[in-house]
Amino acid sequence: MSYIKALDVFFIISFFFVFGAVLEYVIVILHHEKKLKEQKKEKDRAEVEMVPLRQVNFGYEIKL
């Protein structure tokens, strides 16, 4: 028979839910990786800015 049955509708809806779940997973992974890169960039920037002057004296004695 060529008409749509309830089982056909169930399979089509299930297919869209599974596809949506996979798409959501990919979006979350990409967002998480982007956030990790930004955090690492901020951490590296903060470490560079917070270097004490005594550690970068180039052989000269600095008295504070």
PDB file of N, CA and C in Angstrom:
ATOM      1  N   MET A   1       0.840  -1.181   0.000  1.00  0.00           N
ATOM      2  CA  MET A   1       0.000   0.000   0.000  1.00  0.00           C
ATOM      3  C   MET A   1       0.886   1.245   0.000  1.00  0.00           C
ATOM      4  N   SER A   2       0.419   2.279  -0.624  1.00  0.00           N
ATOM      5  CA  SER A   2       1.268   3.445  -0.814  1.00  0.00           C
ATOM      6  C   SER A   2       0.974   4.580   0.160  1.00  0.00           C
ATOM      7  N   TYR A   3       0.029   4.433   1.033  1.00  0.00           N
ATOM      8  CA  TYR A   3      -0.251   5.539   1.950  1.00  0.00           C
ATOM      9  C   TYR A   3       0.671   5.480   3.175  1.00  0.00           C
ATOM     10  N   ILE A   4       0.789   6.611   3.872  1.00  0.00           N
ATOM     11  CA  ILE A   4       1.695   6.720   5.023  1.00  0.00           C
ATOM     12  C   ILE A   4       1.060   6.037   6.234  1.00  0.00           C
ATOM     13  N   LYS A   5       1.847   5.232   6.883  1.00  0.00           N
ATOM     14  CA  LYS A   5       1.374   4.535   8.078  1.00  0.00           C
ATOM     15  C   LYS A   5       1.977   5.217   9.309  1.00  0.00           C
ATOM     16  N   ALA A   6       1.469   4.885  10.462  1.00  0.00           N
ATOM     17  CA  ALA A   6       1.962   5.470  11.711  1.00  0.00           C
ATOM     18  C   ALA A   6       3.430   5.116  11.938  1.00  0.00           C
ATOM     19  N   LEU A   7       3.817   3.932  11.539  1.00  0.00           N
ATOM     20  CA  LEU A   7       5.205   3.513  11.697  1.00  0.00           C
ATOM     21  C   LEU A   7       6.141   4.363  10.840  1.00  0.00           C
ATOM     22  N   ASP A   8       5.708   4.737   9.645  1.00  0.00           N
ATOM     23  CA  ASP A   8       6.513   5.611   8.783  1.00  0.00           C
ATOM     24  C   ASP A   8       6.723   6.978   9.443  1.00  0.00           C
ATOM     25  N   VAL A   9       5.663   7.507  10.013  1.00  0.00           N
ATOM     26  CA  VAL A   9       5.759   8.801  10.705  1.00  0.00           C
ATOM     27  C   VAL A   9       6.699   8.685  11.893  1.00  0.00           C
ATOM     28  N   PHE A  10       6.588   7.597  12.638  1.00  0.00           N
ATOM     29  CA  PHE A  10       7.458   7.378  13.790  1.00  0.00           C
ATOM     30  C   PHE A  10       8.928   7.337  13.365  1.00  0.00           C
ATOM     31  N   PHE A  11       9.239   6.628  12.296  1.00  0.00           N
ATOM     32  CA  PHE A  11      10.622   6.532  11.830  1.00  0.00           C
ATOM     33  C   PHE A  11      11.148   7.878  11.331  1.00  0.00           C
ATOM     34  N   ILE A  12      10.322   8.645  10.663  1.00  0.00           N
ATOM     35  CA  ILE A  12      10.755   9.956  10.167  1.00  0.00           C
ATOM     36  C   ILE A  12      11.033  10.896  11.335  1.00  0.00           C
ATOM     37  N   ILE A  13      10.122  10.927  12.302  1.00  0.00           N
ATOM     38  CA  ILE A  13      10.332  11.792  13.480  1.00  0.00           C
ATOM     39  C   ILE A  13      11.559  11.341  14.258  1.00  0.00           C
ATOM     40  N   SER A  14      11.724  10.032  14.415  1.00  0.00           N
ATOM     41  CA  SER A  14      12.904   9.512  15.125  1.00  0.00           C
ATOM     42  C   SER A  14      14.186   9.902  14.410  1.00  0.00           C
ATOM     43  N   PHE A  15      14.183   9.831  13.089  1.00  0.00           N
ATOM     44  CA  PHE A  15      15.354  10.217  12.314  1.00  0.00           C
ATOM     45  C   PHE A  15      15.720  11.674  12.587  1.00  0.00           C
ATOM     46  N   PHE A  16      14.729  12.558  12.601  1.00  0.00           N
ATOM     47  CA  PHE A  16      15.010  13.970  12.861  1.00  0.00           C
ATOM     48  C   PHE A  16      15.511  14.204  14.282  1.00  0.00           C
ATOM     49  N   PHE A  17      14.991  13.479  15.255  1.00  0.00           N
ATOM     50  CA  PHE A  17      15.478  13.617  16.626  1.00  0.00           C
ATOM     51  C   PHE A  17      16.934  13.153  16.742  1.00  0.00           C
ATOM     52  N   VAL A  18      17.264  12.039  16.114  1.00  0.00           N
ATOM     53  CA  VAL A  18      18.645  11.541  16.160  1.00  0.00           C
ATOM     54  C   VAL A  18      19.576  12.517  15.451  1.00  0.00           C
ATOM     55  N   PHE A  19      19.179  12.998  14.285  1.00  0.00           N
ATOM     56  CA  PHE A  19      19.990  13.981  13.564  1.00  0.00           C
ATOM     57  C   PHE A  19      20.166  15.250  14.392  1.00  0.00           C
ATOM     58  N   GLY A  20      19.106  15.703  15.048  1.00  0.00           N
ATOM     59  CA  GLY A  20      19.183  16.884  15.907  1.00  0.00           C
ATOM     60  C   GLY A  20      20.121  16.675  17.084  1.00  0.00           C
ATOM     61  N   ALA A  21      20.108  15.494  17.670  1.00  0.00           N
ATOM     62  CA  ALA A  21      20.996  15.202  18.805  1.00  0.00           C
ATOM     63  C   ALA A  21      22.457  15.215  18.361  1.00  0.00           C
ATOM     64  N   VAL A  22      22.740  14.641  17.199  1.00  0.00           N
ATOM     65  CA  VAL A  22      24.115  14.652  16.685  1.00  0.00           C
ATOM     66  C   VAL A  22      24.549  16.078  16.369  1.00  0.00           C
ATOM     67  N   LEU A  23      23.681  16.859  15.787  1.00  0.00           N
ATOM     68  CA  LEU A  23      23.984  18.256  15.485  1.00  0.00           C
ATOM     69  C   LEU A  23      24.242  19.053  16.762  1.00  0.00           C
ATOM     70  N   GLU A  24      23.426  18.830  17.783  1.00  0.00           N
ATOM     71  CA  GLU A  24      23.627  19.501  19.068  1.00  0.00           C
ATOM     72  C   GLU A  24      24.977  19.118  19.675  1.00  0.00           C
ATOM     73  N   TYR A  25      25.334  17.851  19.589  1.00  0.00           N
ATOM     74  CA  TYR A  25      26.614  17.380  20.115  1.00  0.00           C
ATOM     75  C   TYR A  25      27.779  18.093  19.426  1.00  0.00           C
ATOM     76  N   VAL A  26      27.711  18.218  18.115  1.00  0.00           N
ATOM     77  CA  VAL A  26      28.782  18.887  17.367  1.00  0.00           C
ATOM     78  C   VAL A  26      28.876  20.349  17.771  1.00  0.00           C
ATOM     79  N   ILE A  27      27.748  21.011  17.917  1.00  0.00           N
ATOM     80  CA  ILE A  27      27.749  22.429  18.306  1.00  0.00           C
ATOM     81  C   ILE A  27      28.350  22.603  19.694  1.00  0.00           C
ATOM     82  N   VAL A  28      27.996  21.741  20.622  1.00  0.00           N
ATOM     83  CA  VAL A  28      28.537  21.836  21.986  1.00  0.00           C
ATOM     84  C   VAL A  28      30.040  21.597  21.988  1.00  0.00           C
ATOM     85  N   ILE A  29      30.519  20.621  21.238  1.00  0.00           N
ATOM     86  CA  ILE A  29      31.955  20.342  21.175  1.00  0.00           C
ATOM     87  C   ILE A  29      32.699  21.528  20.584  1.00  0.00           C
ATOM     88  N   LEU A  30      32.202  22.104  19.506  1.00  0.00           N
ATOM     89  CA  LEU A  30      32.864  23.261  18.891  1.00  0.00           C
ATOM     90  C   LEU A  30      32.872  24.449  19.835  1.00  0.00           C
ATOM     91  N   HIS A  31      31.778  24.679  20.529  1.00  0.00           N
ATOM     92  CA  HIS A  31      31.711  25.787  21.481  1.00  0.00           C
ATOM     93  C   HIS A  31      32.693  25.567  22.634  1.00  0.00           C
ATOM     94  N   HIS A  32      32.780  24.335  23.110  1.00  0.00           N
ATOM     95  CA  HIS A  32      33.691  24.019  24.218  1.00  0.00           C
ATOM     96  C   HIS A  32      35.148  24.230  23.798  1.00  0.00           C
ATOM     97  N   GLU A  33      35.510  23.793  22.603  1.00  0.00           N
ATOM     98  CA  GLU A  33      36.883  23.983  22.124  1.00  0.00           C
ATOM     99  C   GLU A  33      37.214  25.465  21.979  1.00  0.00           C
ATOM    100  N   LYS A  34      36.264  26.244  21.481  1.00  0.00           N
ATOM    101  CA  LYS A  34      36.476  27.687  21.342  1.00  0.00           C
ATOM    102  C   LYS A  34      36.676  28.328  22.711  1.00  0.00           C
ATOM    103  N   LYS A  35      35.887  27.911  23.679  1.00  0.00           N
ATOM    104  CA  LYS A  35      36.002  28.467  25.028  1.00  0.00           C
ATOM    105  C   LYS A  35      37.344  28.095  25.649  1.00  0.00           C
ATOM    106  N   LEU A  36      37.808  26.857  25.444  1.00  0.00           N
ATOM    107  CA  LEU A  36      39.107  26.445  25.975  1.00  0.00           C
ATOM    108  C   LEU A  36      40.239  27.256  25.360  1.00  0.00           C
ATOM    109  N   LYS A  37      40.164  27.527  24.055  1.00  0.00           N
ATOM    110  CA  LYS A  37      41.194  28.335  23.401  1.00  0.00           C
ATOM    111  C   LYS A  37      41.220  29.741  23.970  1.00  0.00           C
ATOM    112  N   GLU A  38      40.043  30.320  24.205  1.00  0.00           N
ATOM    113  CA  GLU A  38      39.978  31.667  24.771  1.00  0.00           C
ATOM    114  C   GLU A  38      40.539  31.686  26.186  1.00  0.00           C
ATOM    115  N   GLN A  39      40.231  30.675  26.993  1.00  0.00           N
ATOM    116  CA  GLN A  39      40.745  30.611  28.353  1.00  0.00           C
ATOM    117  C   GLN A  39      42.261  30.464  28.349  1.00  0.00           C
ATOM    118  N   LYS A  40      42.792  29.631  27.454  1.00  0.00           N
ATOM    119  CA  LYS A  40      44.235  29.450  27.372  1.00  0.00           C
ATOM    120  C   LYS A  40      44.912  30.747  26.944  1.00  0.00           C
ATOM    121  N   LYS A  41      44.298  31.448  26.013  1.00  0.00           N
ATOM    122  CA  LYS A  41      44.839  32.712  25.541  1.00  0.00           C
ATOM    123  C   LYS A  41      44.859  33.739  26.675  1.00  0.00           C
ATOM    124  N   GLU A  42      43.772  33.810  27.442  1.00  0.00           N
ATOM    125  CA  GLU A  42      43.705  34.729  28.578  1.00  0.00           C
ATOM    126  C   GLU A  42      44.729  34.341  29.649  1.00  0.00           C
ATOM    127  N   LYS A  43      44.887  33.050  29.882  1.00  0.00           N
ATOM    128  CA  LYS A  43      45.842  32.590  30.891  1.00  0.00           C
ATOM    129  C   LYS A  43      47.261  32.946  30.475  1.00  0.00           C
ATOM    130  N   ASP A  44      47.594  32.713  29.203  1.00  0.00           N
ATOM    131  CA  ASP A  44      48.926  33.050  28.716  1.00  0.00           C
ATOM    132  C   ASP A  44      49.178  34.548  28.813  1.00  0.00           C
ATOM    133  N   ARG A  45      48.173  35.335  28.476  1.00  0.00           N
ATOM    134  CA  ARG A  45      48.303  36.791  28.549  1.00  0.00           C
ATOM    135  C   ARG A  45      48.496  37.229  29.998  1.00  0.00           C
ATOM    136  N   ALA A  46      47.756  36.627  30.932  1.00  0.00           N
ATOM    137  CA  ALA A  46      47.870  36.984  32.345  1.00  0.00           C
ATOM    138  C   ALA A  46      49.239  36.596  32.890  1.00  0.00           C
ATOM    139  N   GLU A  47      49.775  35.459  32.479  1.00  0.00           N
ATOM    140  CA  GLU A  47      51.090  35.041  32.960  1.00  0.00           C
ATOM    141  C   GLU A  47      52.169  35.989  32.467  1.00  0.00           C
ATOM    142  N   VAL A  48      52.057  36.477  31.268  1.00  0.00           N
ATOM    143  CA  VAL A  48      53.047  37.395  30.732  1.00  0.00           C
ATOM    144  C   VAL A  48      52.987  38.718  31.468  1.00  0.00           C
ATOM    145  N   GLU A  49      51.805  39.200  31.790  1.00  0.00           N
ATOM    146  CA  GLU A  49      51.658  40.489  32.451  1.00  0.00           C
ATOM    147  C   GLU A  49      52.067  40.438  33.913  1.00  0.00           C
ATOM    148  N   MET A  50      52.028  39.269  34.539  1.00  0.00           N
ATOM    149  CA  MET A  50      52.266  39.176  35.970  1.00  0.00           C
ATOM    150  C   MET A  50      53.687  38.724  36.327  1.00  0.00           C
ATOM    151  N   VAL A  51      54.623  38.825  35.426  1.00  0.00           N
ATOM    152  CA  VAL A  51      55.994  38.441  35.718  1.00  0.00           C
ATOM    153  C   VAL A  51      56.608  39.498  36.622  1.00  0.00           C
ATOM    154  N   PRO A  52      57.099  39.119  37.816  1.00  0.00           N
ATOM    155  CA  PRO A  52      57.709  40.110  38.707  1.00  0.00           C
ATOM    156  C   PRO A  52      58.981  40.699  38.097  1.00  0.00           C
ATOM    157  N   LEU A  53      59.265  41.920  38.444  1.00  0.00           N
ATOM    158  CA  LEU A  53      60.413  42.627  37.887  1.00  0.00           C
ATOM    159  C   LEU A  53      61.720  41.982  38.332  1.00  0.00           C
ATOM    160  N   ARG A  54      61.768  41.397  39.504  1.00  0.00           N
ATOM    161  CA  ARG A  54      62.998  40.788  40.005  1.00  0.00           C
ATOM    162  C   ARG A  54      63.438  39.602  39.153  1.00  0.00           C
ATOM    163  N   GLN A  55      62.530  38.925  38.494  1.00  0.00           N
ATOM    164  CA  GLN A  55      62.889  37.781  37.674  1.00  0.00           C
ATOM    165  C   GLN A  55      63.428  38.203  36.316  1.00  0.00           C
ATOM    166  N   VAL A  56      63.163  39.408  35.897  1.00  0.00           N
ATOM    167  CA  VAL A  56      63.598  39.878  34.591  1.00  0.00           C
ATOM    168  C   VAL A  56      64.572  41.029  34.808  1.00  0.00           C
ATOM    169  N   ASN A  57      65.725  40.726  35.402  1.00  0.00           N
ATOM    170  CA  ASN A  57      66.663  41.799  35.690  1.00  0.00           C
ATOM    171  C   ASN A  57      67.860  41.808  34.736  1.00  0.00           C
ATOM    172  N   PHE A  58      67.964  40.844  33.859  1.00  0.00           N
ATOM    173  CA  PHE A  58      69.006  40.782  32.834  1.00  0.00           C
ATOM    174  C   PHE A  58      70.404  40.914  33.414  1.00  0.00           C
ATOM    175  N   GLY A  59      70.626  40.326  34.581  1.00  0.00           N
ATOM    176  CA  GLY A  59      71.963  40.336  35.163  1.00  0.00           C
ATOM    177  C   GLY A  59      72.248  41.532  36.061  1.00  0.00           C
ATOM    178  N   TYR A  60      71.384  42.490  36.104  1.00  0.00           N
ATOM    179  CA  TYR A  60      71.563  43.660  36.950  1.00  0.00           C
ATOM    180  C   TYR A  60      70.815  43.462  38.250  1.00  0.00           C
ATOM    181  N   GLU A  61      71.367  43.951  39.325  1.00  0.00           N
ATOM    182  CA  GLU A  61      70.717  43.821  40.624  1.00  0.00           C
ATOM    183  C   GLU A  61      69.764  44.985  40.809  1.00  0.00           C
ATOM    184  N   ILE A  62      68.543  44.661  41.133  1.00  0.00           N
ATOM    185  CA  ILE A  62      67.524  45.691  41.339  1.00  0.00           C
ATOM    186  C   ILE A  62      67.132  45.656  42.807  1.00  0.00           C
ATOM    187  N   LYS A  63      67.293  46.768  43.469  1.00  0.00           N
ATOM    188  CA  LYS A  63      66.919  46.873  44.887  1.00  0.00           C
ATOM    189  C   LYS A  63      65.680  47.730  44.987  1.00  0.00           C
ATOM    190  N   LEU A  64      64.686  47.182  45.655  1.00  0.00           N
ATOM    191  CA  LEU A  64      63.431  47.917  45.815  1.00  0.00           C
ATOM    192  C   LEU A  64      63.270  48.439  47.205  1.00  0.00           C
TER     193      LEU A  64
END
